[in-house]
Amino acid sequence: MFNFENLEELIYRINSKGYENDEALWVIADGKDYIVKEGNRRLSALKVLADVKKYKNKINLSKNYTISPIRCCVYTDYKI
Protein backbone atom coordinates (compact mmCIF):
# COMPACT_ATOMS: atom_id res chain seq x y z
CA MET A 1 0.00 0.00 0.00
CA PHE A 2 2.77 2.46 0.84
CA ASN A 3 4.34 1.95 -2.57
CA PHE A 4 1.76 4.26 -4.16
CA GLU A 5 3.26 7.53 -5.34
CA ASN A 6 2.80 10.36 -2.80
CA LEU A 7 0.60 8.29 -0.49
CA GLU A 8 2.28 9.62 2.63
CA GLU A 9 1.76 13.22 1.46
CA LEU A 10 -1.93 12.50 0.82
CA ILE A 11 -2.34 10.92 4.26
CA TYR A 12 -0.96 14.01 6.01
CA ARG A 13 -3.01 16.36 3.81
CA ILE A 14 -6.29 14.55 4.56
CA ASN A 15 -5.40 14.40 8.24
CA SER A 16 -4.81 18.15 8.44
CA LYS A 17 -7.41 19.52 6.00
CA GLY A 18 -10.05 16.78 5.90
CA TYR A 19 -11.24 14.58 3.08
CA GLU A 20 -13.01 16.25 0.17
CA ASN A 21 -15.65 13.70 -0.71
CA ASP A 22 -16.42 15.43 -4.01
CA GLU A 23 -14.94 12.86 -6.39
CA ALA A 24 -16.38 9.35 -6.21
CA LEU A 25 -14.30 6.20 -6.28
CA TRP A 26 -14.95 3.99 -9.32
CA VAL A 27 -15.67 0.49 -8.13
CA ILE A 28 -16.55 -2.72 -9.95
CA ALA A 29 -18.81 -5.19 -8.18
CA ASP A 30 -17.38 -8.66 -8.77
CA GLY A 31 -19.55 -11.18 -6.98
CA LYS A 32 -19.04 -10.58 -3.26
CA ASP A 33 -15.92 -8.47 -3.86
CA TYR A 34 -15.41 -4.89 -5.00
CA ILE A 35 -12.45 -3.82 -7.13
CA VAL A 36 -11.41 -0.17 -7.03
CA LYS A 37 -10.60 1.03 -10.56
CA GLU A 38 -10.14 4.75 -9.76
CA GLY A 39 -9.28 6.15 -6.34
CA ASN A 40 -6.94 3.49 -4.96
CA ARG A 41 -4.58 6.05 -3.44
CA ARG A 42 -7.40 7.97 -1.74
CA LEU A 43 -8.89 4.76 -0.36
CA SER A 44 -5.48 3.58 0.85
CA ALA A 45 -4.88 6.90 2.63
CA LEU A 46 -8.27 6.69 4.33
CA LYS A 47 -7.60 3.10 5.43
CA VAL A 48 -4.34 4.18 7.05
CA LEU A 49 -6.00 7.13 8.77
CA ALA A 50 -8.78 4.90 10.09
CA ASP A 51 -6.27 2.63 11.84
CA VAL A 52 -3.02 4.53 12.49
CA LYS A 53 -1.83 2.05 15.17
CA LYS A 54 -1.65 -0.65 12.52
CA TYR A 55 0.70 1.53 10.42
CA LYS A 56 2.69 3.16 13.26
CA ASN A 57 5.99 1.93 11.78
CA LYS A 58 5.15 3.66 8.46
CA ILE A 59 3.43 6.91 9.45
CA ASN A 60 3.83 9.39 12.30
CA LEU A 61 0.28 10.08 13.52
CA SER A 62 -1.09 9.61 17.00
CA LYS A 63 -4.84 9.18 16.61
CA ASN A 64 -7.33 7.79 14.12
CA TYR A 65 -9.16 10.04 11.68
CA THR A 66 -12.95 9.68 11.62
CA ILE A 67 -14.00 8.42 8.20
CA SER A 68 -17.36 9.46 6.83
CA PRO A 69 -19.07 7.36 4.15
CA ILE A 70 -17.15 7.54 0.86
CA ARG A 71 -18.95 8.27 -2.40
CA CYS A 72 -18.58 5.46 -4.93
CA CYS A 73 -19.82 4.81 -8.43
CA VAL A 74 -20.36 1.06 -8.56
CA TYR A 75 -20.28 -0.69 -11.92
CA THR A 76 -21.05 -4.30 -12.77
CA ASP A 77 -19.09 -4.37 -16.02
CA TYR A 78 -15.31 -4.20 -16.43
CA LYS A 79 -15.71 -2.06 -19.58
CA ILE A 80 -15.64 1.35 -17.87
PDB file of N, CA and C in Angstrom:
ATOM      1  N   MET A   1       0.819  -1.192   0.000  1.00  0.00           N
ATOM      2  CA  MET A   1       0.000   0.000   0.000  1.00  0.00           C
ATOM      3  C   MET A   1       0.871   1.267   0.000  1.00  0.00           C
ATOM      4  N   PHE A   2       1.942   1.259   0.753  1.00  0.00           N
ATOM      5  CA  PHE A   2       2.774   2.458   0.839  1.00  0.00           C
ATOM      6  C   PHE A   2       3.660   2.656  -0.378  1.00  0.00           C
ATOM      7  N   ASN A   3       3.572   1.786  -1.342  1.00  0.00           N
ATOM      8  CA  ASN A   3       4.340   1.953  -2.570  1.00  0.00           C
ATOM      9  C   ASN A   3       3.685   2.914  -3.542  1.00  0.00           C
ATOM     10  N   PHE A   4       2.425   3.295  -3.284  1.00  0.00           N
ATOM     11  CA  PHE A   4       1.755   4.264  -4.157  1.00  0.00           C
ATOM     12  C   PHE A   4       2.491   5.597  -4.101  1.00  0.00           C
ATOM     13  N   GLU A   5       2.595   6.235  -5.239  1.00  0.00           N
ATOM     14  CA  GLU A   5       3.262   7.526  -5.337  1.00  0.00           C
ATOM     15  C   GLU A   5       2.555   8.574  -4.477  1.00  0.00           C
ATOM     16  N   ASN A   6       3.291   9.263  -3.641  1.00  0.00           N
ATOM     17  CA  ASN A   6       2.799  10.364  -2.802  1.00  0.00           C
ATOM     18  C   ASN A   6       1.716   9.965  -1.815  1.00  0.00           C
ATOM     19  N   LEU A   7       1.636   8.701  -1.440  1.00  0.00           N
ATOM     20  CA  LEU A   7       0.602   8.287  -0.493  1.00  0.00           C
ATOM     21  C   LEU A   7       0.792   8.962   0.858  1.00  0.00           C
ATOM     22  N   GLU A   8       2.020   9.016   1.326  1.00  0.00           N
ATOM     23  CA  GLU A   8       2.278   9.618   2.632  1.00  0.00           C
ATOM     24  C   GLU A   8       1.859  11.092   2.640  1.00  0.00           C
ATOM     25  N   GLU A   9       2.160  11.814   1.570  1.00  0.00           N
ATOM     26  CA  GLU A   9       1.757  13.216   1.456  1.00  0.00           C
ATOM     27  C   GLU A   9       0.233  13.346   1.509  1.00  0.00           C
ATOM     28  N   LEU A  10      -0.471  12.483   0.823  1.00  0.00           N
ATOM     29  CA  LEU A  10      -1.931  12.502   0.815  1.00  0.00           C
ATOM     30  C   LEU A  10      -2.493  12.195   2.204  1.00  0.00           C
ATOM     31  N   ILE A  11      -1.896  11.266   2.913  1.00  0.00           N
ATOM     32  CA  ILE A  11      -2.336  10.922   4.265  1.00  0.00           C
ATOM     33  C   ILE A  11      -2.256  12.145   5.172  1.00  0.00           C
ATOM     34  N   TYR A  12      -1.123  12.831   5.154  1.00  0.00           N
ATOM     35  CA  TYR A  12      -0.963  14.012   6.006  1.00  0.00           C
ATOM     36  C   TYR A  12      -1.896  15.148   5.594  1.00  0.00           C
ATOM     37  N   ARG A  13      -2.118  15.299   4.292  1.00  0.00           N
ATOM     38  CA  ARG A  13      -3.015  16.360   3.807  1.00  0.00           C
ATOM     39  C   ARG A  13      -4.454  16.104   4.259  1.00  0.00           C
ATOM     40  N   ILE A  14      -4.932  14.876   4.115  1.00  0.00           N
ATOM     41  CA  ILE A  14      -6.286  14.552   4.559  1.00  0.00           C
ATOM     42  C   ILE A  14      -6.398  14.710   6.067  1.00  0.00           C
ATOM     43  N   ASN A  15      -5.383  14.287   6.782  1.00  0.00           N
ATOM     44  CA  ASN A  15      -5.400  14.396   8.237  1.00  0.00           C
ATOM     45  C   ASN A  15      -5.488  15.848   8.694  1.00  0.00           C
ATOM     46  N   SER A  16      -4.814  16.748   8.001  1.00  0.00           N
ATOM     47  CA  SER A  16      -4.808  18.153   8.440  1.00  0.00           C
ATOM     48  C   SER A  16      -5.967  18.976   7.873  1.00  0.00           C
ATOM     49  N   LYS A  17      -6.391  18.683   6.645  1.00  0.00           N
ATOM     50  CA  LYS A  17      -7.411  19.518   6.001  1.00  0.00           C
ATOM     51  C   LYS A  17      -8.760  18.823   5.849  1.00  0.00           C
ATOM     52  N   GLY A  18      -8.818  17.534   6.088  1.00  0.00           N
ATOM     53  CA  GLY A  18     -10.053  16.785   5.901  1.00  0.00           C
ATOM     54  C   GLY A  18     -10.122  16.171   4.517  1.00  0.00           C
ATOM     55  N   TYR A  19     -11.064  15.284   4.360  1.00  0.00           N
ATOM     56  CA  TYR A  19     -11.237  14.580   3.081  1.00  0.00           C
ATOM     57  C   TYR A  19     -12.342  15.244   2.289  1.00  0.00           C
ATOM     58  N   GLU A  20     -12.020  15.683   1.091  1.00  0.00           N
ATOM     59  CA  GLU A  20     -13.014  16.253   0.173  1.00  0.00           C
ATOM     60  C   GLU A  20     -13.695  15.091  -0.535  1.00  0.00           C
ATOM     61  N   ASN A  21     -14.920  14.837  -0.164  1.00  0.00           N
ATOM     62  CA  ASN A  21     -15.650  13.704  -0.709  1.00  0.00           C
ATOM     63  C   ASN A  21     -16.413  14.113  -1.964  1.00  0.00           C
ATOM     64  N   ASP A  22     -15.761  14.894  -2.823  1.00  0.00           N
ATOM     65  CA  ASP A  22     -16.425  15.432  -4.010  1.00  0.00           C
ATOM     66  C   ASP A  22     -16.184  14.604  -5.271  1.00  0.00           C
ATOM     67  N   GLU A  23     -15.236  13.694  -5.228  1.00  0.00           N
ATOM     68  CA  GLU A  23     -14.937  12.861  -6.390  1.00  0.00           C
ATOM     69  C   GLU A  23     -15.090  11.399  -5.988  1.00  0.00           C
ATOM     70  N   ALA A  24     -16.057  10.732  -6.579  1.00  0.00           N
ATOM     71  CA  ALA A  24     -16.376   9.354  -6.208  1.00  0.00           C
ATOM     72  C   ALA A  24     -15.293   8.380  -6.651  1.00  0.00           C
ATOM     73  N   LEU A  25     -15.148   7.311  -5.873  1.00  0.00           N
ATOM     74  CA  LEU A  25     -14.303   6.196  -6.279  1.00  0.00           C
ATOM     75  C   LEU A  25     -15.051   5.413  -7.353  1.00  0.00           C
ATOM     76  N   TRP A  26     -14.341   4.867  -8.304  1.00  0.00           N
ATOM     77  CA  TRP A  26     -14.946   3.990  -9.318  1.00  0.00           C
ATOM     78  C   TRP A  26     -14.685   2.566  -8.879  1.00  0.00           C
ATOM     79  N   VAL A  27     -15.760   1.829  -8.686  1.00  0.00           N
ATOM     80  CA  VAL A  27     -15.671   0.490  -8.129  1.00  0.00           C
ATOM     81  C   VAL A  27     -16.436  -0.479  -9.019  1.00  0.00           C
ATOM     82  N   ILE A  28     -15.871  -1.669  -9.196  1.00  0.00           N
ATOM     83  CA  ILE A  28     -16.550  -2.718  -9.953  1.00  0.00           C
ATOM     84  C   ILE A  28     -16.989  -3.801  -8.975  1.00  0.00           C
ATOM     85  N   ALA A  29     -18.281  -4.107  -8.998  1.00  0.00           N
ATOM     86  CA  ALA A  29     -18.812  -5.194  -8.181  1.00  0.00           C
ATOM     87  C   ALA A  29     -18.498  -6.502  -8.892  1.00  0.00           C
ATOM     88  N   ASP A  30     -17.792  -7.383  -8.190  1.00  0.00           N
ATOM     89  CA  ASP A  30     -17.375  -8.658  -8.769  1.00  0.00           C
ATOM     90  C   ASP A  30     -17.791  -9.770  -7.808  1.00  0.00           C
ATOM     91  N   GLY A  31     -19.030 -10.197  -7.935  1.00  0.00           N
ATOM     92  CA  GLY A  31     -19.550 -11.183  -6.984  1.00  0.00           C
ATOM     93  C   GLY A  31     -19.691 -10.545  -5.622  1.00  0.00           C
ATOM     94  N   LYS A  32     -19.006 -11.125  -4.629  1.00  0.00           N
ATOM     95  CA  LYS A  32     -19.042 -10.578  -3.263  1.00  0.00           C
ATOM     96  C   LYS A  32     -17.947  -9.533  -3.047  1.00  0.00           C
ATOM     97  N   ASP A  33     -17.047  -9.388  -3.993  1.00  0.00           N
ATOM     98  CA  ASP A  33     -15.919  -8.470  -3.864  1.00  0.00           C
ATOM     99  C   ASP A  33     -16.160  -7.183  -4.644  1.00  0.00           C
ATOM    100  N   TYR A  34     -15.397  -6.166  -4.285  1.00  0.00           N
ATOM    101  CA  TYR A  34     -15.407  -4.888  -4.995  1.00  0.00           C
ATOM    102  C   TYR A  34     -13.974  -4.559  -5.377  1.00  0.00           C
ATOM    103  N   ILE A  35     -13.777  -4.157  -6.622  1.00  0.00           N
ATOM    104  CA  ILE A  35     -12.453  -3.825  -7.133  1.00  0.00           C
ATOM    105  C   ILE A  35     -12.433  -2.333  -7.440  1.00  0.00           C
ATOM    106  N   VAL A  36     -11.516  -1.608  -6.809  1.00  0.00           N
ATOM    107  CA  VAL A  36     -11.410  -0.168  -7.033  1.00  0.00           C
ATOM    108  C   VAL A  36     -10.625   0.066  -8.312  1.00  0.00           C
ATOM    109  N   LYS A  37     -11.246   0.719  -9.281  1.00  0.00           N
ATOM    110  CA  LYS A  37     -10.598   1.032 -10.557  1.00  0.00           C
ATOM    111  C   LYS A  37     -10.006   2.437 -10.550  1.00  0.00           C
ATOM    112  N   GLU A  38     -10.619   3.360  -9.843  1.00  0.00           N
ATOM    113  CA  GLU A  38     -10.144   4.745  -9.761  1.00  0.00           C
ATOM    114  C   GLU A  38     -10.324   5.217  -8.330  1.00  0.00           C
ATOM    115  N   GLY A  39      -9.226   5.650  -7.707  1.00  0.00           N
ATOM    116  CA  GLY A  39      -9.283   6.152  -6.343  1.00  0.00           C
ATOM    117  C   GLY A  39      -8.559   5.270  -5.344  1.00  0.00           C
ATOM    118  N   ASN A  40      -7.687   4.389  -5.850  1.00  0.00           N
ATOM    119  CA  ASN A  40      -6.943   3.485  -4.962  1.00  0.00           C
ATOM    120  C   ASN A  40      -6.109   4.231  -3.930  1.00  0.00           C
ATOM    121  N   ARG A  41      -5.453   5.296  -4.352  1.00  0.00           N
ATOM    122  CA  ARG A  41      -4.582   6.049  -3.444  1.00  0.00           C
ATOM    123  C   ARG A  41      -5.397   6.726  -2.351  1.00  0.00           C
ATOM    124  N   ARG A  42      -6.529   7.326  -2.731  1.00  0.00           N
ATOM    125  CA  ARG A  42      -7.405   7.965  -1.736  1.00  0.00           C
ATOM    126  C   ARG A  42      -7.930   6.941  -0.736  1.00  0.00           C
ATOM    127  N   LEU A  43      -8.378   5.799  -1.241  1.00  0.00           N
ATOM    128  CA  LEU A  43      -8.894   4.756  -0.363  1.00  0.00           C
ATOM    129  C   LEU A  43      -7.790   4.235   0.556  1.00  0.00           C
ATOM    130  N   SER A  44      -6.601   4.044   0.032  1.00  0.00           N
ATOM    131  CA  SER A  44      -5.476   3.581   0.848  1.00  0.00           C
ATOM    132  C   SER A  44      -5.158   4.578   1.954  1.00  0.00           C
ATOM    133  N   ALA A  45      -5.149   5.858   1.626  1.00  0.00           N
ATOM    134  CA  ALA A  45      -4.880   6.898   2.630  1.00  0.00           C
ATOM    135  C   ALA A  45      -5.939   6.869   3.723  1.00  0.00           C
ATOM    136  N   LEU A  46      -7.192   6.735   3.347  1.00  0.00           N
ATOM    137  CA  LEU A  46      -8.272   6.687   4.331  1.00  0.00           C
ATOM    138  C   LEU A  46      -8.185   5.446   5.204  1.00  0.00           C
ATOM    139  N   LYS A  47      -7.772   4.326   4.637  1.00  0.00           N
ATOM    140  CA  LYS A  47      -7.602   3.105   5.428  1.00  0.00           C
ATOM    141  C   LYS A  47      -6.512   3.285   6.477  1.00  0.00           C
ATOM    142  N   VAL A  48      -5.424   3.919   6.101  1.00  0.00           N
ATOM    143  CA  VAL A  48      -4.339   4.179   7.052  1.00  0.00           C
ATOM    144  C   VAL A  48      -4.827   5.105   8.154  1.00  0.00           C
ATOM    145  N   LEU A  49      -5.515   6.173   7.780  1.00  0.00           N
ATOM    146  CA  LEU A  49      -5.999   7.134   8.768  1.00  0.00           C
ATOM    147  C   LEU A  49      -7.033   6.535   9.713  1.00  0.00           C
ATOM    148  N   ALA A  50      -7.770   5.545   9.255  1.00  0.00           N
ATOM    149  CA  ALA A  50      -8.782   4.904  10.090  1.00  0.00           C
ATOM    150  C   ALA A  50      -8.166   3.981  11.139  1.00  0.00           C
ATOM    151  N   ASP A  51      -6.925   3.558  10.926  1.00  0.00           N
ATOM    152  CA  ASP A  51      -6.268   2.626  11.843  1.00  0.00           C
ATOM    153  C   ASP A  51      -4.775   2.929  11.936  1.00  0.00           C
ATOM    154  N   VAL A  52      -4.425   4.095  12.476  1.00  0.00           N
ATOM    155  CA  VAL A  52      -3.021   4.528  12.494  1.00  0.00           C
ATOM    156  C   VAL A  52      -2.125   3.616  13.332  1.00  0.00           C
ATOM    157  N   LYS A  53      -2.657   2.962  14.360  1.00  0.00           N
ATOM    158  CA  LYS A  53      -1.833   2.052  15.166  1.00  0.00           C
ATOM    159  C   LYS A  53      -1.280   0.910  14.315  1.00  0.00           C
ATOM    160  N   LYS A  54      -2.070   0.448  13.388  1.00  0.00           N
ATOM    161  CA  LYS A  54      -1.649  -0.651  12.519  1.00  0.00           C
ATOM    162  C   LYS A  54      -0.457  -0.258  11.648  1.00  0.00           C
ATOM    163  N   TYR A  55      -0.353   1.035  11.322  1.00  0.00           N
ATOM    164  CA  TYR A  55       0.700   1.526  10.425  1.00  0.00           C
ATOM    165  C   TYR A  55       1.715   2.408  11.143  1.00  0.00           C
ATOM    166  N   LYS A  56       1.833   2.272  12.469  1.00  0.00           N
ATOM    167  CA  LYS A  56       2.692   3.156  13.255  1.00  0.00           C
ATOM    168  C   LYS A  56       4.159   3.113  12.831  1.00  0.00           C
ATOM    169  N   ASN A  57       4.600   2.007  12.245  1.00  0.00           N
ATOM    170  CA  ASN A  57       5.987   1.933  11.779  1.00  0.00           C
ATOM    171  C   ASN A  57       6.179   2.601  10.414  1.00  0.00           C
ATOM    172  N   LYS A  58       5.081   3.023   9.776  1.00  0.00           N
ATOM    173  CA  LYS A  58       5.149   3.658   8.459  1.00  0.00           C
ATOM    174  C   LYS A  58       4.777   5.141   8.483  1.00  0.00           C
ATOM    175  N   ILE A  59       3.975   5.554   9.450  1.00  0.00           N
ATOM    176  CA  ILE A  59       3.427   6.914   9.448  1.00  0.00           C
ATOM    177  C   ILE A  59       3.457   7.472  10.868  1.00  0.00           C
ATOM    178  N   ASN A  60       3.689   8.768  10.991  1.00  0.00           N
ATOM    179  CA  ASN A  60       3.825   9.391  12.300  1.00  0.00           C
ATOM    180  C   ASN A  60       2.566  10.182  12.661  1.00  0.00           C
ATOM    181  N   LEU A  61       1.522   9.469  13.050  1.00  0.00           N
ATOM    182  CA  LEU A  61       0.277  10.077  13.515  1.00  0.00           C
ATOM    183  C   LEU A  61      -0.098   9.426  14.828  1.00  0.00           C
ATOM    184  N   SER A  62      -0.796  10.152  15.676  1.00  0.00           N
ATOM    185  CA  SER A  62      -1.088   9.606  16.995  1.00  0.00           C
ATOM    186  C   SER A  62      -2.523   9.130  17.180  1.00  0.00           C
ATOM    187  N   LYS A  63      -3.475   9.645  16.409  1.00  0.00           N
ATOM    188  CA  LYS A  63      -4.843   9.179  16.608  1.00  0.00           C
ATOM    189  C   LYS A  63      -5.549   8.969  15.274  1.00  0.00           C
ATOM    190  N   ASN A  64      -6.570   8.124  15.320  1.00  0.00           N
ATOM    191  CA  ASN A  64      -7.326   7.793  14.117  1.00  0.00           C
ATOM    192  C   ASN A  64      -8.140   8.981  13.634  1.00  0.00           C
ATOM    193  N   TYR A  65      -8.337   9.051  12.359  1.00  0.00           N
ATOM    194  CA  TYR A  65      -9.161  10.044  11.682  1.00  0.00           C
ATOM    195  C   TYR A  65     -10.548   9.423  11.518  1.00  0.00           C
ATOM    196  N   THR A  66     -11.592  10.182  11.790  1.00  0.00           N
ATOM    197  CA  THR A  66     -12.947   9.675  11.624  1.00  0.00           C
ATOM    198  C   THR A  66     -13.319   9.699  10.147  1.00  0.00           C
ATOM    199  N   ILE A  67     -13.672   8.549   9.626  1.00  0.00           N
ATOM    200  CA  ILE A  67     -13.997   8.416   8.205  1.00  0.00           C
ATOM    201  C   ILE A  67     -15.508   8.459   8.020  1.00  0.00           C
ATOM    202  N   SER A  68     -15.951   9.393   7.205  1.00  0.00           N
ATOM    203  CA  SER A  68     -17.365   9.460   6.827  1.00  0.00           C
ATOM    204  C   SER A  68     -17.584   8.525   5.648  1.00  0.00           C
ATOM    205  N   PRO A  69     -18.823   8.202   5.340  1.00  0.00           N
ATOM    206  CA  PRO A  69     -19.068   7.363   4.152  1.00  0.00           C
ATOM    207  C   PRO A  69     -18.420   7.973   2.908  1.00  0.00           C
ATOM    208  N   ILE A  70     -17.875   7.120   2.062  1.00  0.00           N
ATOM    209  CA  ILE A  70     -17.152   7.539   0.865  1.00  0.00           C
ATOM    210  C   ILE A  70     -18.042   7.334  -0.356  1.00  0.00           C
ATOM    211  N   ARG A  71     -18.142   8.376  -1.177  1.00  0.00           N
ATOM    212  CA  ARG A  71     -18.949   8.270  -2.397  1.00  0.00           C
ATOM    213  C   ARG A  71     -18.280   7.318  -3.381  1.00  0.00           C
ATOM    214  N   CYS A  72     -19.080   6.424  -3.944  1.00  0.00           N
ATOM    215  CA  CYS A  72     -18.583   5.462  -4.930  1.00  0.00           C
ATOM    216  C   CYS A  72     -19.564   5.343  -6.087  1.00  0.00           C
ATOM    217  N   CYS A  73     -19.033   5.198  -7.268  1.00  0.00           N
ATOM    218  CA  CYS A  73     -19.817   4.813  -8.434  1.00  0.00           C
ATOM    219  C   CYS A  73     -19.528   3.332  -8.635  1.00  0.00           C
ATOM    220  N   VAL A  74     -20.548   2.508  -8.479  1.00  0.00           N
ATOM    221  CA  VAL A  74     -20.361   1.064  -8.561  1.00  0.00           C
ATOM    222  C   VAL A  74     -20.853   0.569  -9.922  1.00  0.00           C
ATOM    223  N   TYR A  75     -19.983  -0.134 -10.607  1.00  0.00           N
ATOM    224  CA  TYR A  75     -20.284  -0.689 -11.920  1.00  0.00           C
ATOM    225  C   TYR A  75     -20.302  -2.201 -11.838  1.00  0.00           C
ATOM    226  N   THR A  76     -21.008  -2.840 -12.736  1.00  0.00           N
ATOM    227  CA  THR A  76     -21.051  -4.302 -12.770  1.00  0.00           C
ATOM    228  C   THR A  76     -20.338  -4.854 -13.999  1.00  0.00           C
ATOM    229  N   ASP A  77     -19.760  -3.964 -14.782  1.00  0.00           N
ATOM    230  CA  ASP A  77     -19.093  -4.368 -16.018  1.00  0.00           C
ATOM    231  C   ASP A  77     -17.666  -3.817 -16.009  1.00  0.00           C
ATOM    232  N   TYR A  78     -16.712  -4.620 -16.406  1.00  0.00           N
ATOM    233  CA  TYR A  78     -15.308  -4.198 -16.431  1.00  0.00           C
ATOM    234  C   TYR A  78     -15.009  -3.196 -17.546  1.00  0.00           C
ATOM    235  N   LYS A  79     -15.944  -2.943 -18.431  1.00  0.00           N
ATOM    236  CA  LYS A  79     -15.712  -2.059 -19.577  1.00  0.00           C
ATOM    237  C   LYS A  79     -16.027  -0.612 -19.257  1.00  0.00           C
ATOM    238  N   ILE A  80     -15.420  -0.061 -18.211  1.00  0.00           N
ATOM    239  CA  ILE A  80     -15.641   1.354 -17.868  1.00  0.00           C
ATOM    240  C   ILE A  80     -14.469   2.178 -18.313  1.00  0.00           C
TER     241      ILE A  80
END
